[in-house]
PDB file of N, CA and C in Angstrom:
ATOM      1  N   UNK A   1     -18.422  57.876 250.516  1.00  0.00           N
ATOM      2  CA  UNK A   1     -19.388  57.994 251.555  1.00  0.00           C
ATOM      3  C   UNK A   1     -20.905  57.049 251.858  1.00  0.00           C
ATOM      4  N   UNK A   2     -20.660  57.526 253.320  1.00  0.00           N
ATOM      5  CA  UNK A   2     -21.678  56.579 253.773  1.00  0.00           C
ATOM      6  C   UNK A   2     -23.369  56.788 253.631  1.00  0.00           C
ATOM      7  N   UNK A   3     -24.102  55.502 253.346  1.00  0.00           N
ATOM      8  CA  UNK A   3     -25.461  55.735 253.153  1.00  0.00           C
ATOM      9  C   UNK A   3     -26.404  56.894 254.177  1.00  0.00           C
ATOM     10  N   UNK A   4     -26.987  57.787 253.699  1.00  0.00           N
ATOM     11  CA  UNK A   4     -27.894  58.522 254.619  1.00  0.00           C
ATOM     12  C   UNK A   4     -27.063  59.566 255.217  1.00  0.00           C
ATOM     13  N   UNK A   5     -26.137  60.089 254.768  1.00  0.00           N
ATOM     14  CA  UNK A   5     -25.048  61.155 255.064  1.00  0.00           C
ATOM     15  C   UNK A   5     -25.786  62.526 254.789  1.00  0.00           C
ATOM     16  N   UNK A   6     -26.231  63.325 255.516  1.00  0.00           N
ATOM     17  CA  UNK A   6     -26.255  64.352 254.642  1.00  0.00           C
ATOM     18  C   UNK A   6     -25.206  65.264 253.980  1.00  0.00           C
ATOM     19  N   UNK A   7     -25.620  65.490 252.948  1.00  0.00           N
ATOM     20  CA  UNK A   7     -24.348  65.902 251.774  1.00  0.00           C
ATOM     21  C   UNK A   7     -24.549  67.314 251.383  1.00  0.00           C
ATOM     22  N   UNK A   8     -23.319  68.041 251.409  1.00  0.00           N
ATOM     23  CA  UNK A   8     -23.065  69.376 250.641  1.00  0.00           C
ATOM     24  C   UNK A   8     -23.218  69.966 249.268  1.00  0.00           C
ATOM     25  N   UNK A   9     -23.698  70.832 248.716  1.00  0.00           N
ATOM     26  CA  UNK A   9     -23.823  70.633 247.533  1.00  0.00           C
ATOM     27  C   UNK A   9     -22.685  70.595 246.597  1.00  0.00           C
ATOM     28  N   UNK A  10     -21.290  70.741 247.476  1.00  0.00           N
ATOM     29  CA  UNK A  10     -20.147  70.419 246.542  1.00  0.00           C
ATOM     30  C   UNK A  10     -19.847  69.195 245.963  1.00  0.00           C
ATOM     31  N   UNK A  11     -20.698  68.064 246.812  1.00  0.00           N
ATOM     32  CA  UNK A  11     -20.654  66.954 246.823  1.00  0.00           C
ATOM     33  C   UNK A  11     -21.555  66.688 245.917  1.00  0.00           C
ATOM     34  N   UNK A  12     -22.634  66.916 246.447  1.00  0.00           N
ATOM     35  CA  UNK A  12     -23.937  66.521 244.959  1.00  0.00           C
ATOM     36  C   UNK A  12     -23.525  67.217 243.582  1.00  0.00           C
ATOM     37  N   UNK A  13     -22.707  67.922 243.481  1.00  0.00           N
ATOM     38  CA  UNK A  13     -22.427  68.971 242.375  1.00  0.00           C
ATOM     39  C   UNK A  13     -21.124  67.637 241.446  1.00  0.00           C
ATOM     40  N   UNK A  14     -20.785  67.053 242.424  1.00  0.00           N
ATOM     41  CA  UNK A  14     -20.025  66.098 241.987  1.00  0.00           C
ATOM     42  C   UNK A  14     -20.063  64.855 241.589  1.00  0.00           C
ATOM     43  N   UNK A  15     -21.046  64.209 242.019  1.00  0.00           N
ATOM     44  CA  UNK A  15     -21.872  63.328 241.870  1.00  0.00           C
ATOM     45  C   UNK A  15     -22.199  63.739 240.171  1.00  0.00           C
ATOM     46  N   UNK A  16     -23.146  64.397 240.284  1.00  0.00           N
ATOM     47  CA  UNK A  16     -23.857  64.755 239.046  1.00  0.00           C
ATOM     48  C   UNK A  16     -23.183  65.046 237.722  1.00  0.00           C
ATOM     49  N   UNK A  17     -21.938  65.708 238.178  1.00  0.00           N
ATOM     50  CA  UNK A  17     -20.810  65.483 237.229  1.00  0.00           C
ATOM     51  C   UNK A  17     -19.823  64.799 236.355  1.00  0.00           C
ATOM     52  N   UNK A  18     -19.979  63.468 237.471  1.00  0.00           N
ATOM     53  CA  UNK A  18     -19.869  62.212 237.157  1.00  0.00           C
ATOM     54  C   UNK A  18     -20.708  61.433 236.792  1.00  0.00           C
ATOM     55  N   UNK A  19     -21.695  61.949 236.690  1.00  0.00           N
ATOM     56  CA  UNK A  19     -22.508  61.301 235.617  1.00  0.00           C
ATOM     57  C   UNK A  19     -22.950  61.938 234.952  1.00  0.00           C
ATOM     58  N   UNK A  20     -22.582  63.114 234.288  1.00  0.00           N
ATOM     59  CA  UNK A  20     -22.847  63.709 233.185  1.00  0.00           C
ATOM     60  C   UNK A  20     -24.090  64.347 233.423  1.00  0.00           C
ATOM     61  N   UNK A  21     -24.212  65.549 234.057  1.00  0.00           N
ATOM     62  CA  UNK A  21     -25.175  66.012 234.611  1.00  0.00           C
ATOM     63  C   UNK A  21     -24.889  67.213 234.925  1.00  0.00           C
ATOM     64  N   UNK A  22     -25.122  67.963 233.748  1.00  0.00           N
ATOM     65  CA  UNK A  22     -24.446  69.805 234.133  1.00  0.00           C
ATOM     66  C   UNK A  22     -25.785  70.081 235.189  1.00  0.00           C
ATOM     67  N   UNK A  23     -24.927  71.151 236.196  1.00  0.00           N
ATOM     68  CA  UNK A  23     -25.252  71.480 237.231  1.00  0.00           C
ATOM     69  C   UNK A  23     -26.073  73.051 236.868  1.00  0.00           C
ATOM     70  N   UNK A  24     -25.637  73.872 236.232  1.00  0.00           N
ATOM     71  CA  UNK A  24     -26.294  75.189 235.672  1.00  0.00           C
ATOM     72  C   UNK A  24     -26.566  75.725 237.033  1.00  0.00           C
ATOM     73  N   UNK A  25     -27.577  76.414 237.122  1.00  0.00           N
ATOM     74  CA  UNK A  25     -27.872  76.954 238.405  1.00  0.00           C
ATOM     75  C   UNK A  25     -29.343  76.382 238.833  1.00  0.00           C
ATOM     76  N   UNK A  26     -28.636  75.033 239.384  1.00  0.00           N
ATOM     77  CA  UNK A  26     -29.933  74.145 239.643  1.00  0.00           C
ATOM     78  C   UNK A  26     -29.654  74.240 241.058  1.00  0.00           C
ATOM     79  N   UNK A  27     -30.714  74.149 241.564  1.00  0.00           N
ATOM     80  CA  UNK A  27     -30.227  74.261 243.457  1.00  0.00           C
ATOM     81  C   UNK A  27     -30.411  72.992 243.831  1.00  0.00           C
ATOM     82  N   UNK A  28     -30.231  72.783 245.174  1.00  0.00           N
ATOM     83  CA  UNK A  28     -29.594  71.539 245.610  1.00  0.00           C
ATOM     84  C   UNK A  28     -30.989  70.564 245.775  1.00  0.00           C
ATOM     85  N   UNK A  29     -32.166  70.780 245.506  1.00  0.00           N
ATOM     86  CA  UNK A  29     -33.551  69.795 245.685  1.00  0.00           C
ATOM     87  C   UNK A  29     -33.726  69.008 244.134  1.00  0.00           C
ATOM     88  N   UNK A  30     -33.318  70.459 242.973  1.00  0.00           N
ATOM     89  CA  UNK A  30     -33.292  70.064 241.517  1.00  0.00           C
ATOM     90  C   UNK A  30     -32.554  68.878 241.135  1.00  0.00           C
ATOM     91  N   UNK A  31     -31.180  69.634 241.710  1.00  0.00           N
ATOM     92  CA  UNK A  31     -30.240  69.211 241.288  1.00  0.00           C
ATOM     93  C   UNK A  31     -30.092  67.396 241.756  1.00  0.00           C
ATOM     94  N   UNK A  32     -30.654  66.961 242.951  1.00  0.00           N
ATOM     95  CA  UNK A  32     -30.764  65.564 243.561  1.00  0.00           C
ATOM     96  C   UNK A  32     -31.858  64.933 242.721  1.00  0.00           C
ATOM     97  N   UNK A  33     -33.120  65.775 242.099  1.00  0.00           N
ATOM     98  CA  UNK A  33     -33.807  65.087 241.619  1.00  0.00           C
ATOM     99  C   UNK A  33     -33.581  64.566 240.036  1.00  0.00           C
ATOM    100  N   UNK A  34     -33.328  65.749 239.758  1.00  0.00           N
ATOM    101  CA  UNK A  34     -32.071  65.515 238.648  1.00  0.00           C
ATOM    102  C   UNK A  34     -31.082  63.942 238.694  1.00  0.00           C
ATOM    103  N   UNK A  35     -30.006  63.541 239.674  1.00  0.00           N
ATOM    104  CA  UNK A  35     -29.714  62.735 239.476  1.00  0.00           C
ATOM    105  C   UNK A  35     -30.454  61.208 239.822  1.00  0.00           C
ATOM    106  N   UNK A  36     -31.807  61.850 240.652  1.00  0.00           N
ATOM    107  CA  UNK A  36     -32.682  60.604 241.018  1.00  0.00           C
ATOM    108  C   UNK A  36     -32.779  59.787 239.501  1.00  0.00           C
ATOM    109  N   UNK A  37     -33.385  60.865 238.691  1.00  0.00           N
ATOM    110  CA  UNK A  37     -34.382  60.424 237.646  1.00  0.00           C
ATOM    111  C   UNK A  37     -33.172  59.719 236.605  1.00  0.00           C
ATOM    112  N   UNK A  38     -31.868  60.390 236.754  1.00  0.00           N
ATOM    113  CA  UNK A  38     -30.737  59.665 236.078  1.00  0.00           C
ATOM    114  C   UNK A  38     -30.654  58.376 235.985  1.00  0.00           C
ATOM    115  N   UNK A  39     -30.802  58.202 237.400  1.00  0.00           N
ATOM    116  CA  UNK A  39     -30.461  57.109 237.899  1.00  0.00           C
ATOM    117  C   UNK A  39     -31.626  55.564 237.867  1.00  0.00           C
ATOM    118  N   UNK A  40     -32.827  56.432 237.241  1.00  0.00           N
ATOM    119  CA  UNK A  40     -33.679  55.168 236.700  1.00  0.00           C
ATOM    120  C   UNK A  40     -34.850  55.098 238.383  1.00  0.00           C
ATOM    121  N   UNK A  41     -34.353  55.971 239.306  1.00  0.00           N
ATOM    122  CA  UNK A  41     -35.317  56.267 240.431  1.00  0.00           C
ATOM    123  C   UNK A  41     -36.181  57.264 240.777  1.00  0.00           C
ATOM    124  N   UNK A  42     -37.087  57.027 241.341  1.00  0.00           N
ATOM    125  CA  UNK A  42     -38.274  58.396 241.358  1.00  0.00           C
ATOM    126  C   UNK A  42     -37.845  59.425 241.896  1.00  0.00           C
ATOM    127  N   UNK A  43     -37.612  60.426 241.045  1.00  0.00           N
ATOM    128  CA  UNK A  43     -37.073  61.986 242.057  1.00  0.00           C
ATOM    129  C   UNK A  43     -38.251  62.525 242.509  1.00  0.00           C
ATOM    130  N   UNK A  44     -38.160  62.231 243.831  1.00  0.00           N
ATOM    131  CA  UNK A  44     -39.176  62.163 245.087  1.00  0.00           C
ATOM    132  C   UNK A  44     -38.216  62.964 245.802  1.00  0.00           C
ATOM    133  N   UNK A  45     -37.121  63.449 245.915  1.00  0.00           N
ATOM    134  CA  UNK A  45     -36.453  64.088 246.891  1.00  0.00           C
ATOM    135  C   UNK A  45     -37.259  65.088 247.377  1.00  0.00           C
ATOM    136  N   UNK A  46     -37.636  65.703 249.056  1.00  0.00           N
ATOM    137  CA  UNK A  46     -38.004  66.852 249.647  1.00  0.00           C
ATOM    138  C   UNK A  46     -39.753  66.260 249.399  1.00  0.00           C
ATOM    139  N   UNK A  47     -39.938  65.188 249.068  1.00  0.00           N
ATOM    140  CA  UNK A  47     -41.515  65.053 249.234  1.00  0.00           C
ATOM    141  C   UNK A  47     -41.326  64.449 250.338  1.00  0.00           C
ATOM    142  N   UNK A  48     -41.159  63.857 251.072  1.00  0.00           N
ATOM    143  CA  UNK A  48     -41.699  63.003 252.018  1.00  0.00           C
ATOM    144  C   UNK A  48     -42.385  64.144 253.056  1.00  0.00           C
ATOM    145  N   UNK A  49     -43.284  64.672 252.762  1.00  0.00           N
ATOM    146  CA  UNK A  49     -44.395  65.336 253.686  1.00  0.00           C
ATOM    147  C   UNK A  49     -44.773  64.583 255.574  1.00  0.00           C
ATOM    148  N   UNK A  50     -44.849  63.432 255.097  1.00  0.00           N
ATOM    149  CA  UNK A  50     -45.556  63.133 256.304  1.00  0.00           C
ATOM    150  C   UNK A  50     -44.522  62.741 257.619  1.00  0.00           C
ATOM    151  N   UNK A  51     -43.146  62.873 257.266  1.00  0.00           N
ATOM    152  CA  UNK A  51     -42.255  62.679 257.943  1.00  0.00           C
ATOM    153  C   UNK A  51     -41.680  60.910 257.349  1.00  0.00           C
ATOM    154  N   UNK A  52     -42.274  60.437 256.501  1.00  0.00           N
ATOM    155  CA  UNK A  52     -42.211  58.724 256.318  1.00  0.00           C
ATOM    156  C   UNK A  52     -41.287  58.440 254.815  1.00  0.00           C
ATOM    157  N   UNK A  53     -40.735  57.606 254.524  1.00  0.00           N
ATOM    158  CA  UNK A  53     -39.824  57.077 253.250  1.00  0.00           C
ATOM    159  C   UNK A  53     -40.040  55.637 253.321  1.00  0.00           C
ATOM    160  N   UNK A  54     -40.447  55.319 251.935  1.00  0.00           N
ATOM    161  CA  UNK A  54     -40.216  53.679 252.613  1.00  0.00           C
ATOM    162  C   UNK A  54     -38.849  53.288 251.322  1.00  0.00           C
ATOM    163  N   UNK A  55     -37.910  54.520 251.106  1.00  0.00           N
ATOM    164  CA  UNK A  55     -37.124  54.140 250.388  1.00  0.00           C
ATOM    165  C   UNK A  55     -35.141  54.290 251.300  1.00  0.00           C
ATOM    166  N   UNK A  56     -35.372  52.833 252.144  1.00  0.00           N
ATOM    167  CA  UNK A  56     -34.856  52.877 253.000  1.00  0.00           C
ATOM    168  C   UNK A  56     -32.955  53.063 252.636  1.00  0.00           C
ATOM    169  N   UNK A  57     -32.614  52.338 251.520  1.00  0.00           N
ATOM    170  CA  UNK A  57     -31.448  52.547 250.482  1.00  0.00           C
ATOM    171  C   UNK A  57     -30.901  53.501 249.748  1.00  0.00           C
ATOM    172  N   UNK A  58     -31.993  54.899 249.333  1.00  0.00           N
ATOM    173  CA  UNK A  58     -31.910  56.138 248.707  1.00  0.00           C
ATOM    174  C   UNK A  58     -30.709  57.029 249.736  1.00  0.00           C
ATOM    175  N   UNK A  59     -29.843  57.432 248.524  1.00  0.00           N
ATOM    176  CA  UNK A  59     -28.929  57.928 249.262  1.00  0.00           C
ATOM    177  C   UNK A  59     -28.765  58.984 250.163  1.00  0.00           C
ATOM    178  N   UNK A  60     -29.835  59.956 249.071  1.00  0.00           N
ATOM    179  CA  UNK A  60     -30.492  60.764 250.390  1.00  0.00           C
ATOM    180  C   UNK A  60     -31.066  61.114 251.303  1.00  0.00           C
ATOM    181  N   UNK A  61     -32.061  59.844 251.646  1.00  0.00           N
ATOM    182  CA  UNK A  61     -33.329  59.400 252.680  1.00  0.00           C
ATOM    183  C   UNK A  61     -32.994  60.718 253.956  1.00  0.00           C
ATOM    184  N   UNK A  62     -31.591  60.794 254.637  1.00  0.00           N
ATOM    185  CA  UNK A  62     -31.321  61.468 256.101  1.00  0.00           C
ATOM    186  C   UNK A  62     -31.819  62.732 254.996  1.00  0.00           C
ATOM    187  N   UNK A  63     -31.014  63.063 254.481  1.00  0.00           N
ATOM    188  CA  UNK A  63     -31.345  64.446 254.372  1.00  0.00           C
ATOM    189  C   UNK A  63     -32.596  64.896 253.165  1.00  0.00           C
ATOM    190  N   UNK A  64     -33.173  64.160 253.018  1.00  0.00           N
ATOM    191  CA  UNK A  64     -34.427  64.562 251.992  1.00  0.00           C
ATOM    192  C   UNK A  64     -35.825  64.812 253.744  1.00  0.00           C
ATOM    193  N   UNK A  65     -35.749  63.624 254.660  1.00  0.00           N
ATOM    194  CA  UNK A  65     -36.493  63.543 255.506  1.00  0.00           C
ATOM    195  C   UNK A  65     -36.166  65.422 256.107  1.00  0.00           C
ATOM    196  N   UNK A  66     -35.328  65.454 256.657  1.00  0.00           N
ATOM    197  CA  UNK A  66     -34.553  66.536 257.100  1.00  0.00           C
ATOM    198  C   UNK A  66     -35.632  68.198 256.084  1.00  0.00           C
ATOM    199  N   UNK A  67     -34.903  68.125 255.008  1.00  0.00           N
ATOM    200  CA  UNK A  67     -35.421  69.189 254.033  1.00  0.00           C
ATOM    201  C   UNK A  67     -37.236  68.906 253.917  1.00  0.00           C
ATOM    202  N   UNK A  68     -37.689  67.726 254.088  1.00  0.00           N
ATOM    203  CA  UNK A  68     -39.298  67.847 253.697  1.00  0.00           C
ATOM    204  C   UNK A  68     -40.164  68.261 255.059  1.00  0.00           C
ATOM    205  N   UNK A  69     -39.466  68.340 256.525  1.00  0.00           N
ATOM    206  CA  UNK A  69     -39.908  68.919 257.177  1.00  0.00           C
ATOM    207  C   UNK A  69     -39.799  70.148 257.870  1.00  0.00           C
ATOM    208  N   UNK A  70     -38.693  70.902 256.828  1.00  0.00           N
ATOM    209  CA  UNK A  70     -38.966  72.145 257.494  1.00  0.00           C
ATOM    210  C   UNK A  70     -39.937  73.140 256.308  1.00  0.00           C
TER     211      UNK A  70
END
């Protein structure tokens, strides 16, 4: 998978499962933030309200920016 590609929930759940994270009833933003925390990163998914983000290598960046502007 390429960096900055918008992911479907099934792909995100597969990443979580590979990291030993139980997905349960988590919605997409909660699941991504849980993955970010498990990786030792900021759990900031969806918080770029200004439409900008300095985390240029983040796997979730494009999806996050789109989600943040809704």
